[in-house]
Amino acid sequence: MRNVILATIILLVSAATALAIPKGRTLTFTGATGTVHFDGTLHNRHAKGCRQCHNPAVFPQMKQGSVTITMAAINNGKLCGICHNGKAAFAPAGNCARCHHK
């Protein structure tokens, strides 16, 4: 029984790790304001751990395309704006080209 529990824990941890954007990977989002590249290497370097973003309080769904990311939400301190607030990471205001590429 203990082996089954241990195997289940290992499987769950492995699945959570597989969902993260690891170093060397990039997600690309394309919209009306240009293309945004989410750099896994850069974000892994600056995050305080996976759970900083990988939790329902930040992103209710951790699958690309399942959450609508808007600048209004970011500017109101939600989603990316939890860190991109001018303290933990650069603020979005006046920094459009740091994320958005035409």
N, C-alpha and C. Protein backbone atom coordinates (compact mmCIF):
# COMPACT_ATOMS: atom_id res chain seq x y z
N MET A 1 0.83 -1.20 0.00
CA MET A 1 0.00 0.00 0.00
C MET A 1 0.88 1.26 0.00
N ARG A 2 1.95 1.22 0.78
CA ARG A 2 2.83 2.38 0.86
C ARG A 2 3.47 2.67 -0.50
N ASN A 3 3.81 1.63 -1.24
CA ASN A 3 4.39 1.80 -2.57
C ASN A 3 3.40 2.44 -3.55
N VAL A 4 2.13 2.09 -3.42
CA VAL A 4 1.10 2.67 -4.28
C VAL A 4 0.97 4.16 -3.99
N ILE A 5 0.97 4.53 -2.73
CA ILE A 5 0.88 5.94 -2.34
C ILE A 5 2.10 6.70 -2.84
N LEU A 6 3.27 6.14 -2.67
CA LEU A 6 4.50 6.77 -3.12
C LEU A 6 4.50 6.94 -4.65
N ALA A 7 4.07 5.93 -5.36
CA ALA A 7 4.01 6.00 -6.82
C ALA A 7 3.02 7.07 -7.27
N THR A 8 1.90 7.18 -6.58
CA THR A 8 0.89 8.20 -6.89
C THR A 8 1.45 9.60 -6.68
N ILE A 9 2.16 9.82 -5.59
CA ILE A 9 2.77 11.13 -5.30
C ILE A 9 3.79 11.47 -6.38
N ILE A 10 4.62 10.53 -6.74
CA ILE A 10 5.63 10.77 -7.78
C ILE A 10 4.95 11.10 -9.11
N LEU A 11 3.89 10.41 -9.46
CA LEU A 11 3.17 10.67 -10.70
C LEU A 11 2.57 12.08 -10.70
N LEU A 12 1.98 12.48 -9.59
CA LEU A 12 1.37 13.82 -9.50
C LEU A 12 2.42 14.91 -9.60
N VAL A 13 3.55 14.74 -8.93
CA VAL A 13 4.62 15.74 -8.99
C VAL A 13 5.18 15.81 -10.40
N SER A 14 5.36 14.68 -11.04
CA SER A 14 5.87 14.65 -12.42
C SER A 14 4.90 15.33 -13.37
N ALA A 15 3.63 15.11 -13.20
CA ALA A 15 2.63 15.73 -14.08
C ALA A 15 2.63 17.23 -13.90
N ALA A 16 2.74 17.72 -12.68
CA ALA A 16 2.77 19.17 -12.43
C ALA A 16 4.01 19.78 -13.05
N THR A 17 5.14 19.11 -12.96
CA THR A 17 6.37 19.62 -13.55
C THR A 17 6.27 19.66 -15.07
N ALA A 18 5.63 18.69 -15.66
CA ALA A 18 5.50 18.65 -17.11
C ALA A 18 4.67 19.80 -17.65
N LEU A 19 3.77 20.35 -16.85
CA LEU A 19 2.93 21.45 -17.29
C LEU A 19 3.65 22.79 -17.25
N ALA A 20 4.72 22.90 -16.49
CA ALA A 20 5.45 24.15 -16.38
C ALA A 20 6.21 24.45 -17.67
N ILE A 21 6.52 25.72 -17.89
CA ILE A 21 7.34 26.11 -19.04
C ILE A 21 8.78 26.09 -18.56
N PRO A 22 9.53 25.08 -18.93
CA PRO A 22 10.89 24.94 -18.41
C PRO A 22 11.88 25.88 -19.10
N LYS A 23 13.06 25.92 -18.53
CA LYS A 23 14.15 26.66 -19.15
C LYS A 23 14.34 26.14 -20.57
N GLY A 24 14.58 27.06 -21.50
CA GLY A 24 14.79 26.66 -22.88
C GLY A 24 13.52 26.57 -23.72
N ARG A 25 12.35 26.71 -23.09
CA ARG A 25 11.08 26.67 -23.83
C ARG A 25 10.45 28.05 -23.84
N THR A 26 9.69 28.33 -24.86
CA THR A 26 9.00 29.61 -24.99
C THR A 26 7.57 29.35 -25.47
N LEU A 27 6.62 30.03 -24.84
CA LEU A 27 5.25 30.01 -25.33
C LEU A 27 5.04 31.28 -26.15
N THR A 28 4.30 31.19 -27.22
CA THR A 28 4.03 32.35 -28.05
C THR A 28 2.54 32.60 -28.09
N PHE A 29 2.17 33.85 -27.81
CA PHE A 29 0.79 34.29 -27.85
C PHE A 29 0.69 35.36 -28.92
N THR A 30 -0.29 35.24 -29.82
CA THR A 30 -0.46 36.22 -30.88
C THR A 30 -1.83 36.86 -30.75
N GLY A 31 -1.84 38.19 -30.82
CA GLY A 31 -3.10 38.93 -30.71
C GLY A 31 -3.02 40.23 -31.46
N ALA A 32 -4.03 41.06 -31.28
CA ALA A 32 -4.13 42.34 -31.99
C ALA A 32 -2.99 43.29 -31.65
N THR A 33 -2.42 43.15 -30.46
CA THR A 33 -1.33 44.05 -30.03
C THR A 33 0.05 43.51 -30.35
N GLY A 34 0.11 42.44 -31.11
CA GLY A 34 1.38 41.86 -31.49
C GLY A 34 1.59 40.50 -30.87
N THR A 35 2.79 40.00 -31.01
CA THR A 35 3.14 38.69 -30.50
C THR A 35 3.87 38.84 -29.17
N VAL A 36 3.50 38.01 -28.21
CA VAL A 36 4.17 37.99 -26.91
C VAL A 36 4.84 36.63 -26.77
N HIS A 37 6.12 36.65 -26.44
CA HIS A 37 6.87 35.42 -26.21
C HIS A 37 7.11 35.28 -24.72
N PHE A 38 6.59 34.20 -24.13
CA PHE A 38 6.80 33.93 -22.71
C PHE A 38 8.03 33.03 -22.61
N ASP A 39 9.12 33.59 -22.16
CA ASP A 39 10.42 32.91 -22.10
C ASP A 39 10.55 32.13 -20.78
N GLY A 40 10.54 30.81 -20.88
CA GLY A 40 10.65 29.96 -19.70
C GLY A 40 11.96 30.16 -18.95
N THR A 41 13.06 30.36 -19.66
CA THR A 41 14.36 30.57 -19.02
C THR A 41 14.34 31.83 -18.17
N LEU A 42 13.88 32.91 -18.74
CA LEU A 42 13.83 34.19 -18.04
C LEU A 42 12.92 34.12 -16.82
N HIS A 43 11.74 33.57 -16.97
CA HIS A 43 10.80 33.51 -15.85
C HIS A 43 11.24 32.53 -14.77
N ASN A 44 11.85 31.43 -15.16
CA ASN A 44 12.37 30.50 -14.15
C ASN A 44 13.50 31.12 -13.35
N ARG A 45 14.29 31.97 -13.97
CA ARG A 45 15.41 32.63 -13.30
C ARG A 45 14.92 33.60 -12.23
N HIS A 46 13.78 34.26 -12.46
CA HIS A 46 13.32 35.31 -11.57
C HIS A 46 12.23 34.88 -10.60
N ALA A 47 11.55 33.79 -10.88
CA ALA A 47 10.46 33.35 -10.01
C ALA A 47 11.00 32.78 -8.71
N LYS A 48 10.18 32.85 -7.69
CA LYS A 48 10.56 32.30 -6.38
C LYS A 48 10.18 30.84 -6.27
N GLY A 49 9.74 30.26 -7.35
CA GLY A 49 9.34 28.86 -7.37
C GLY A 49 8.16 28.67 -8.30
N CYS A 50 7.90 27.45 -8.66
CA CYS A 50 6.83 27.13 -9.62
C CYS A 50 5.47 27.63 -9.15
N ARG A 51 5.20 27.45 -7.86
CA ARG A 51 3.88 27.79 -7.32
C ARG A 51 3.61 29.29 -7.30
N GLN A 52 4.61 30.09 -7.57
CA GLN A 52 4.38 31.53 -7.63
C GLN A 52 3.36 31.84 -8.73
N CYS A 53 3.44 31.14 -9.84
CA CYS A 53 2.48 31.32 -10.93
C CYS A 53 1.53 30.14 -11.06
N HIS A 54 2.04 28.95 -10.81
CA HIS A 54 1.26 27.74 -10.99
C HIS A 54 0.37 27.48 -9.79
N ASN A 55 -0.64 28.34 -9.64
CA ASN A 55 -1.65 28.15 -8.61
C ASN A 55 -2.94 28.83 -9.08
N PRO A 56 -4.09 28.35 -8.63
CA PRO A 56 -5.37 28.87 -9.12
C PRO A 56 -5.61 30.34 -8.81
N ALA A 57 -4.94 30.90 -7.82
CA ALA A 57 -5.12 32.32 -7.50
C ALA A 57 -4.52 33.21 -8.59
N VAL A 58 -3.50 32.72 -9.29
CA VAL A 58 -2.85 33.50 -10.34
C VAL A 58 -3.45 33.15 -11.69
N PHE A 59 -3.38 31.89 -12.06
CA PHE A 59 -3.93 31.41 -13.33
C PHE A 59 -4.86 30.25 -13.02
N PRO A 60 -6.18 30.45 -13.13
CA PRO A 60 -7.13 29.38 -12.82
C PRO A 60 -6.90 28.13 -13.66
N GLN A 61 -6.47 28.28 -14.88
CA GLN A 61 -6.15 27.16 -15.77
C GLN A 61 -4.71 27.33 -16.23
N MET A 62 -3.94 26.30 -16.22
CA MET A 62 -2.54 26.38 -16.64
C MET A 62 -2.34 25.71 -18.00
N LYS A 63 -3.24 26.00 -18.93
CA LYS A 63 -3.13 25.46 -20.28
C LYS A 63 -3.21 26.63 -21.24
N GLN A 64 -2.26 26.72 -22.17
CA GLN A 64 -2.24 27.84 -23.11
C GLN A 64 -3.57 27.96 -23.83
N GLY A 65 -4.12 29.18 -23.82
CA GLY A 65 -5.38 29.45 -24.48
C GLY A 65 -6.59 29.31 -23.59
N SER A 66 -6.42 28.81 -22.37
CA SER A 66 -7.57 28.60 -21.49
C SER A 66 -7.89 29.82 -20.63
N VAL A 67 -6.97 30.77 -20.54
CA VAL A 67 -7.18 31.99 -19.77
C VAL A 67 -7.02 33.17 -20.73
N THR A 68 -7.97 34.07 -20.71
CA THR A 68 -7.86 35.27 -21.53
C THR A 68 -7.03 36.29 -20.77
N ILE A 69 -5.87 36.59 -21.31
CA ILE A 69 -4.97 37.56 -20.68
C ILE A 69 -5.22 38.91 -21.33
N THR A 70 -5.61 39.89 -20.52
CA THR A 70 -5.85 41.24 -21.04
C THR A 70 -4.96 42.23 -20.30
N MET A 71 -4.68 43.33 -20.97
CA MET A 71 -3.89 44.37 -20.33
C MET A 71 -4.66 44.98 -19.16
N ALA A 72 -5.98 45.03 -19.25
CA ALA A 72 -6.79 45.55 -18.13
C ALA A 72 -6.55 44.70 -16.88
N ALA A 73 -6.56 43.39 -17.04
CA ALA A 73 -6.33 42.50 -15.90
C ALA A 73 -4.91 42.68 -15.37
N ILE A 74 -3.93 42.74 -16.26
CA ILE A 74 -2.54 42.90 -15.84
C ILE A 74 -2.37 44.23 -15.11
N ASN A 75 -2.93 45.31 -15.66
CA ASN A 75 -2.83 46.62 -15.02
C ASN A 75 -3.55 46.68 -13.68
N ASN A 76 -4.53 45.80 -13.48
CA ASN A 76 -5.25 45.73 -12.20
C ASN A 76 -4.62 44.74 -11.23
N GLY A 77 -3.40 44.30 -11.53
CA GLY A 77 -2.68 43.42 -10.61
C GLY A 77 -3.10 41.97 -10.65
N LYS A 78 -3.71 41.55 -11.74
CA LYS A 78 -4.11 40.15 -11.88
C LYS A 78 -3.22 39.49 -12.94
N LEU A 79 -3.25 38.16 -12.98
CA LEU A 79 -2.49 37.37 -13.94
C LEU A 79 -1.03 37.80 -13.91
N CYS A 80 -0.45 38.20 -15.02
CA CYS A 80 0.96 38.61 -15.08
C CYS A 80 1.23 39.81 -14.18
N GLY A 81 0.21 40.64 -13.98
CA GLY A 81 0.34 41.85 -13.17
C GLY A 81 0.58 41.60 -11.69
N ILE A 82 0.44 40.38 -11.24
CA ILE A 82 0.76 40.06 -9.85
C ILE A 82 2.24 40.31 -9.60
N CYS A 83 3.08 39.96 -10.57
CA CYS A 83 4.52 40.23 -10.45
C CYS A 83 4.92 41.49 -11.21
N HIS A 84 4.32 41.69 -12.39
CA HIS A 84 4.68 42.86 -13.21
C HIS A 84 3.92 44.06 -12.68
N ASN A 85 4.40 44.55 -11.53
CA ASN A 85 3.75 45.64 -10.81
C ASN A 85 4.71 46.81 -10.56
N GLY A 86 5.90 46.75 -11.13
CA GLY A 86 6.89 47.80 -10.91
C GLY A 86 7.75 47.57 -9.69
N LYS A 87 7.46 46.54 -8.92
CA LYS A 87 8.25 46.20 -7.73
C LYS A 87 8.94 44.85 -7.93
N ALA A 88 8.15 43.81 -8.07
CA ALA A 88 8.73 42.47 -8.27
C ALA A 88 9.33 42.35 -9.67
N ALA A 89 8.67 42.94 -10.65
CA ALA A 89 9.14 42.94 -12.04
C ALA A 89 8.66 44.23 -12.69
N PHE A 90 9.19 44.55 -13.85
CA PHE A 90 8.85 45.82 -14.49
C PHE A 90 7.34 45.97 -14.66
N ALA A 91 6.86 47.20 -14.50
CA ALA A 91 5.45 47.50 -14.68
C ALA A 91 5.12 47.52 -16.17
N PRO A 92 3.89 47.18 -16.54
CA PRO A 92 3.53 47.17 -17.95
C PRO A 92 3.46 48.58 -18.56
N ALA A 93 3.09 49.58 -17.79
CA ALA A 93 2.92 50.94 -18.32
C ALA A 93 4.25 51.46 -18.86
N GLY A 94 4.24 51.84 -20.13
CA GLY A 94 5.43 52.38 -20.77
C GLY A 94 6.44 51.34 -21.21
N ASN A 95 6.12 50.07 -21.02
CA ASN A 95 7.05 48.99 -21.38
C ASN A 95 6.45 48.02 -22.38
N CYS A 96 5.57 48.50 -23.24
CA CYS A 96 4.84 47.62 -24.18
C CYS A 96 5.79 46.73 -24.99
N ALA A 97 6.85 47.35 -25.52
CA ALA A 97 7.75 46.62 -26.43
C ALA A 97 8.59 45.56 -25.72
N ARG A 98 8.59 45.55 -24.39
CA ARG A 98 9.33 44.50 -23.70
C ARG A 98 8.62 43.15 -23.82
N CYS A 99 7.31 43.19 -24.07
CA CYS A 99 6.55 41.96 -24.23
C CYS A 99 5.95 41.83 -25.63
N HIS A 100 5.40 42.92 -26.14
CA HIS A 100 4.68 42.90 -27.42
C HIS A 100 5.62 43.22 -28.57
N HIS A 101 5.63 42.35 -29.57
CA HIS A 101 6.48 42.51 -30.74
C HIS A 101 5.60 42.49 -31.99
N LYS A 102 5.70 43.51 -32.80
CA LYS A 102 4.90 43.60 -34.05
C LYS A 102 5.54 42.77 -35.13
